[in-house]
């Protein structure tokens, strides 16, 4: 929902989904850096919480490297 000016939100996982990534808008922060909120909602019957955390960590690393 970042494209609508929403900074942060919590997506919901519905039947048939195992995870949903919520992406907030990118804004300017200190030292000219851009920041954005990413929220991952998971069905823990299908996705282990540690694997979800590693996904968010990998996403952060890839964004920072670009």
Protein backbone atom coordinates (compact mmCIF):
# COMPACT_ATOMS: atom_id res chain seq x y z
CA UNK A 1 0.00 0.00 0.00
CA UNK A 2 3.04 2.25 -0.13
CA UNK A 3 1.90 3.52 -3.51
CA UNK A 4 -1.11 5.01 -1.71
CA UNK A 5 1.04 6.87 0.84
CA UNK A 6 0.61 4.27 3.60
CA UNK A 7 3.72 4.07 5.78
CA UNK A 8 3.08 0.73 7.44
CA UNK A 9 0.31 -1.90 7.63
CA UNK A 10 -0.25 -5.50 8.67
CA UNK A 11 -1.42 -7.74 5.81
CA UNK A 12 -3.72 -10.70 6.50
CA UNK A 13 -3.16 -14.27 5.35
CA UNK A 14 -6.29 -15.88 3.89
CA UNK A 15 -7.09 -19.50 3.05
CA UNK A 16 -4.82 -20.85 0.34
CA UNK A 17 -2.00 -18.40 1.10
CA UNK A 18 1.11 -19.18 3.12
CA UNK A 19 2.52 -15.63 3.38
CA UNK A 20 1.80 -12.05 2.37
CA UNK A 21 4.39 -9.27 2.18
CA UNK A 22 3.25 -5.77 3.12
CA UNK A 23 5.32 -2.90 1.67
CA UNK A 24 4.96 0.65 2.99
CA UNK A 25 5.98 3.82 1.18
CA UNK A 26 9.62 4.85 1.00
CA UNK A 27 10.42 8.11 2.83
CA UNK A 28 13.51 10.23 3.40
CA UNK A 29 15.33 9.63 6.69
CA UNK A 30 18.43 11.03 8.38
CA UNK A 31 21.58 11.42 6.27
CA UNK A 32 19.57 11.31 3.03
CA UNK A 33 18.73 7.62 3.30
CA UNK A 34 15.39 6.27 2.17
CA UNK A 35 13.52 3.93 4.49
CA UNK A 36 10.44 1.75 4.08
CA UNK A 37 8.55 -0.71 6.27
CA UNK A 38 8.20 -4.33 5.17
CA UNK A 39 5.82 -6.61 7.09
CA UNK A 40 5.51 -10.35 6.52
CA UNK A 41 2.39 -12.21 7.67
CA UNK A 42 2.76 -16.00 7.63
CA UNK A 43 0.61 -19.05 8.22
CA UNK A 44 2.83 -20.88 10.71
CA UNK A 45 1.30 -24.20 9.68
CA UNK A 46 3.09 -23.76 6.33
CA UNK A 47 6.03 -21.43 7.08
CA UNK A 48 8.46 -21.65 9.98
CA UNK A 49 8.96 -18.29 11.71
CA UNK A 50 12.75 -18.57 11.44
CA UNK A 51 12.50 -19.08 7.66
CA UNK A 52 10.25 -16.02 7.42
CA UNK A 53 12.78 -13.97 9.40
CA UNK A 54 15.58 -15.14 7.08
CA UNK A 55 13.47 -14.07 4.08
CA UNK A 56 13.11 -10.54 5.51
CA UNK A 57 16.82 -10.44 6.33
CA UNK A 58 17.72 -11.51 2.78
CA UNK A 59 15.30 -8.93 1.35
CA UNK A 60 16.94 -6.19 3.42
CA UNK A 61 20.43 -7.23 2.33
CA UNK A 62 19.42 -7.25 -1.35
CA UNK A 63 17.79 -3.83 -1.11
CA UNK A 64 20.81 -2.32 0.66
CA UNK A 65 23.17 -3.83 -1.92
CA UNK A 66 21.30 -2.30 -4.86
